[in-house]
N, C-alpha and C. Protein backbone atom coordinates (compact mmCIF):
# COMPACT_ATOMS: atom_id res chain seq x y z
N MET A 1 75.66 92.68 95.42
CA MET A 1 76.43 92.59 94.18
C MET A 1 77.79 91.99 94.49
N ASN A 2 78.19 91.00 93.74
CA ASN A 2 79.53 90.45 93.87
C ASN A 2 80.53 91.39 93.22
N ILE A 3 81.67 91.51 93.82
CA ILE A 3 82.72 92.36 93.26
C ILE A 3 83.44 91.56 92.18
N PRO A 4 83.44 92.07 90.94
CA PRO A 4 84.13 91.35 89.87
C PRO A 4 85.63 91.29 90.14
N LYS A 5 86.25 90.19 89.70
CA LYS A 5 87.70 90.07 89.87
C LYS A 5 88.28 89.33 88.68
N SER A 6 89.59 89.47 88.52
CA SER A 6 90.31 88.76 87.47
C SER A 6 91.70 88.42 88.00
N SER A 7 92.41 87.60 87.27
CA SER A 7 93.75 87.17 87.67
C SER A 7 94.78 87.68 86.68
N LEU A 8 96.03 87.67 87.10
CA LEU A 8 97.13 88.00 86.20
C LEU A 8 97.64 86.72 85.55
N SER A 9 97.89 86.78 84.26
CA SER A 9 98.47 85.64 83.55
C SER A 9 99.97 85.58 83.85
N GLU A 10 100.64 84.57 83.33
CA GLU A 10 102.08 84.46 83.51
C GLU A 10 102.81 85.64 82.89
N LYS A 11 102.20 86.30 81.91
CA LYS A 11 102.78 87.48 81.28
C LYS A 11 102.32 88.76 81.97
N CYS A 12 101.71 88.62 83.15
CA CYS A 12 101.18 89.76 83.94
C CYS A 12 100.11 90.54 83.20
N GLN A 13 99.29 89.84 82.41
CA GLN A 13 98.16 90.46 81.72
C GLN A 13 96.88 90.06 82.44
N THR A 14 95.87 90.93 82.32
CA THR A 14 94.58 90.63 82.95
C THR A 14 93.46 91.01 81.98
N THR A 15 92.28 90.53 82.25
CA THR A 15 91.09 90.85 81.47
C THR A 15 90.14 91.65 82.34
N LEU A 16 89.62 92.73 81.80
CA LEU A 16 88.63 93.52 82.50
C LEU A 16 87.32 92.72 82.47
N PRO A 17 86.74 92.40 83.63
CA PRO A 17 85.52 91.58 83.65
C PRO A 17 84.39 92.19 82.81
N ALA A 18 83.63 91.32 82.18
CA ALA A 18 82.54 91.75 81.29
C ALA A 18 81.55 92.68 81.99
N GLU A 19 81.25 92.41 83.28
CA GLU A 19 80.30 93.27 84.00
C GLU A 19 80.79 94.72 84.03
N ILE A 20 82.09 94.89 84.24
CA ILE A 20 82.66 96.23 84.31
C ILE A 20 82.68 96.87 82.92
N ARG A 21 83.08 96.10 81.90
CA ARG A 21 83.09 96.64 80.54
C ARG A 21 81.70 97.10 80.14
N ASP A 22 80.70 96.27 80.43
CA ASP A 22 79.32 96.61 80.08
C ASP A 22 78.82 97.81 80.87
N MET A 23 79.12 97.84 82.15
CA MET A 23 78.65 98.92 83.02
C MET A 23 79.16 100.29 82.56
N PHE A 24 80.41 100.32 82.09
CA PHE A 24 81.02 101.60 81.72
C PHE A 24 81.18 101.79 80.22
N GLY A 25 80.67 100.85 79.44
CA GLY A 25 80.72 100.98 77.99
C GLY A 25 82.14 100.95 77.43
N ILE A 26 83.01 100.16 78.04
CA ILE A 26 84.40 100.07 77.60
C ILE A 26 84.50 99.04 76.48
N LYS A 27 85.11 99.44 75.38
CA LYS A 27 85.21 98.58 74.20
C LYS A 27 86.66 98.07 74.03
N ALA A 28 86.81 97.04 73.20
CA ALA A 28 88.14 96.50 72.88
C ALA A 28 89.01 97.59 72.27
N LYS A 29 90.28 97.54 72.56
CA LYS A 29 91.30 98.47 72.06
C LYS A 29 91.27 99.83 72.75
N GLU A 30 90.31 100.05 73.65
CA GLU A 30 90.23 101.33 74.37
C GLU A 30 91.34 101.38 75.42
N GLN A 31 91.95 102.54 75.59
CA GLN A 31 93.02 102.68 76.57
C GLN A 31 92.46 102.85 77.97
N ILE A 32 93.22 102.34 78.94
CA ILE A 32 92.84 102.40 80.35
C ILE A 32 93.98 103.05 81.12
N LEU A 33 93.65 103.95 82.03
CA LEU A 33 94.64 104.53 82.95
C LEU A 33 94.67 103.69 84.21
N TRP A 34 95.85 103.37 84.71
CA TRP A 34 96.04 102.66 85.98
C TRP A 34 96.57 103.69 86.95
N ILE A 35 95.77 104.05 87.95
CA ILE A 35 96.11 105.13 88.87
C ILE A 35 96.42 104.56 90.25
N PRO A 36 97.71 104.62 90.69
CA PRO A 36 98.02 104.15 92.05
C PRO A 36 97.43 105.12 93.07
N VAL A 37 96.57 104.64 93.94
CA VAL A 37 95.89 105.49 94.91
C VAL A 37 96.59 105.44 96.26
N SER A 38 96.87 104.26 96.73
CA SER A 38 97.59 104.06 97.99
C SER A 38 98.17 102.65 97.94
N PRO A 39 99.04 102.29 98.86
CA PRO A 39 99.59 100.94 98.84
C PRO A 39 98.47 99.89 98.81
N GLY A 40 98.51 99.04 97.81
CA GLY A 40 97.51 97.99 97.69
C GLY A 40 96.23 98.40 97.00
N LEU A 41 96.13 99.65 96.54
CA LEU A 41 94.90 100.11 95.89
C LEU A 41 95.23 100.80 94.58
N ILE A 42 94.63 100.30 93.50
CA ILE A 42 94.81 100.87 92.16
C ILE A 42 93.43 101.20 91.62
N SER A 43 93.29 102.37 91.06
CA SER A 43 92.04 102.79 90.43
C SER A 43 92.22 102.75 88.92
N LEU A 44 91.19 102.38 88.20
CA LEU A 44 91.24 102.36 86.75
C LEU A 44 90.33 103.43 86.19
N ALA A 45 90.74 104.03 85.09
CA ALA A 45 89.90 105.01 84.41
C ALA A 45 89.98 104.75 82.91
N SER A 46 88.85 104.78 82.26
CA SER A 46 88.80 104.59 80.81
C SER A 46 89.12 105.91 80.12
N ILE A 47 89.96 105.85 79.11
CA ILE A 47 90.28 107.05 78.33
C ILE A 47 89.40 107.02 77.08
N LYS A 48 88.54 107.99 76.96
CA LYS A 48 87.69 108.10 75.78
C LYS A 48 88.13 109.32 74.98
N LYS A 49 87.54 109.53 73.85
CA LYS A 49 87.90 110.67 73.01
C LYS A 49 87.16 111.91 73.51
N TYR A 50 87.76 112.57 74.49
CA TYR A 50 87.15 113.75 75.07
C TYR A 50 87.60 115.01 74.34
N LYS A 51 86.78 116.04 74.41
CA LYS A 51 87.18 117.33 73.87
C LYS A 51 88.36 117.84 74.69
N LYS A 52 89.19 118.63 74.06
CA LYS A 52 90.37 119.17 74.73
C LYS A 52 89.97 119.85 76.03
N GLY A 53 90.65 119.46 77.12
CA GLY A 53 90.42 120.08 78.41
C GLY A 53 89.36 119.41 79.26
N THR A 54 88.61 118.46 78.71
CA THR A 54 87.55 117.85 79.51
C THR A 54 87.94 116.49 80.08
N TRP A 55 89.04 115.91 79.60
CA TRP A 55 89.42 114.58 80.11
C TRP A 55 89.75 114.62 81.59
N THR A 56 90.34 115.71 82.07
CA THR A 56 90.68 115.81 83.49
C THR A 56 89.43 115.75 84.33
N LYS A 57 88.40 116.46 83.92
CA LYS A 57 87.16 116.45 84.68
C LYS A 57 86.54 115.07 84.69
N SER A 58 86.62 114.36 83.58
CA SER A 58 86.03 113.02 83.52
C SER A 58 86.75 112.05 84.45
N ILE A 59 88.04 112.24 84.65
CA ILE A 59 88.81 111.35 85.51
C ILE A 59 88.75 111.79 86.96
N CYS A 60 88.87 113.10 87.19
CA CYS A 60 89.02 113.61 88.56
C CYS A 60 87.75 114.16 89.16
N GLY A 61 86.69 114.29 88.38
CA GLY A 61 85.42 114.78 88.92
C GLY A 61 85.54 116.13 89.57
N LYS A 62 85.15 116.19 90.85
CA LYS A 62 85.10 117.47 91.54
C LYS A 62 86.47 118.08 91.77
N TYR A 63 87.55 117.30 91.56
CA TYR A 63 88.90 117.81 91.79
C TYR A 63 89.54 118.36 90.52
N ALA A 64 88.83 118.37 89.41
CA ALA A 64 89.42 118.72 88.12
C ALA A 64 90.04 120.11 88.10
N ASN A 65 89.50 121.05 88.85
CA ASN A 65 90.00 122.42 88.81
C ASN A 65 90.98 122.74 89.92
N GLU A 66 91.33 121.77 90.73
CA GLU A 66 92.25 122.02 91.84
C GLU A 66 93.68 121.74 91.41
N MET A 67 94.61 122.54 91.90
CA MET A 67 96.02 122.37 91.58
C MET A 67 96.55 121.06 92.15
N ASP A 68 96.07 120.67 93.31
CA ASP A 68 96.57 119.48 93.97
C ASP A 68 95.53 118.36 93.93
N ALA A 69 95.00 118.08 92.74
CA ALA A 69 93.94 117.09 92.61
C ALA A 69 94.36 115.72 93.12
N VAL A 70 95.55 115.28 92.79
CA VAL A 70 95.98 113.95 93.22
C VAL A 70 96.07 113.89 94.73
N GLN A 71 96.65 114.92 95.35
CA GLN A 71 96.77 114.93 96.80
C GLN A 71 95.38 114.93 97.46
N SER A 72 94.44 115.65 96.89
CA SER A 72 93.09 115.67 97.42
C SER A 72 92.45 114.29 97.35
N LEU A 73 92.66 113.60 96.23
CA LEU A 73 92.12 112.25 96.10
C LEU A 73 92.77 111.30 97.10
N LEU A 74 94.09 111.43 97.29
CA LEU A 74 94.78 110.58 98.26
C LEU A 74 94.29 110.86 99.68
N ASP A 75 94.07 112.13 100.01
CA ASP A 75 93.55 112.48 101.33
C ASP A 75 92.17 111.86 101.55
N ASP A 76 91.31 111.92 100.53
CA ASP A 76 89.98 111.31 100.63
C ASP A 76 90.09 109.81 100.85
N ARG A 77 91.01 109.18 100.13
CA ARG A 77 91.17 107.72 100.27
C ARG A 77 91.68 107.38 101.67
N LYS A 78 92.59 108.16 102.20
CA LYS A 78 93.09 107.91 103.57
C LYS A 78 91.95 108.00 104.57
N GLU A 79 91.07 108.97 104.37
CA GLU A 79 89.91 109.11 105.25
C GLU A 79 89.00 107.88 105.14
N ASP A 80 88.80 107.39 103.90
CA ASP A 80 88.00 106.18 103.70
C ASP A 80 88.61 104.98 104.40
N VAL A 81 89.94 104.83 104.28
CA VAL A 81 90.63 103.71 104.93
C VAL A 81 90.44 103.79 106.44
N ASN A 82 90.53 104.98 106.99
CA ASN A 82 90.32 105.19 108.43
C ASN A 82 88.90 104.80 108.84
N LEU A 83 87.92 105.22 108.05
CA LEU A 83 86.52 104.88 108.36
C LEU A 83 86.28 103.37 108.23
N GLU A 84 86.91 102.74 107.22
CA GLU A 84 86.78 101.30 107.06
C GLU A 84 87.38 100.57 108.26
N ALA A 85 88.54 101.02 108.71
CA ALA A 85 89.21 100.38 109.86
C ALA A 85 88.37 100.49 111.13
N ARG A 86 87.62 101.58 111.24
CA ARG A 86 86.77 101.78 112.42
C ARG A 86 85.40 101.14 112.26
N GLY A 87 85.14 100.51 111.11
CA GLY A 87 83.90 99.78 110.89
C GLY A 87 82.72 100.62 110.46
N TYR A 88 82.96 101.89 110.06
CA TYR A 88 81.85 102.74 109.64
C TYR A 88 81.40 102.47 108.22
N ILE A 89 82.32 102.05 107.35
CA ILE A 89 81.97 101.71 105.97
C ILE A 89 82.66 100.41 105.58
N ASN A 90 82.14 99.76 104.54
CA ASN A 90 82.75 98.52 104.05
C ASN A 90 83.60 98.78 102.87
């Protein structure tokens, strides 16, 4: 699978590639969260109309009930970067 990509316009705007929109059912006018994960890495999350209290679980998955969810996600990403550097994962 090719990794979809897009460019920034002169106004620093970008378009979410159609493959990604289709894959996740993202529609026009839907809000997107831009989550800085580590230097050079940004994660995107679609904001849908979730019931009160469930949006955190939809974004954070298994970390939704942890007090330090962001730190846990950053720790996981650091481990991934380490494994990538050692050639264990791509």
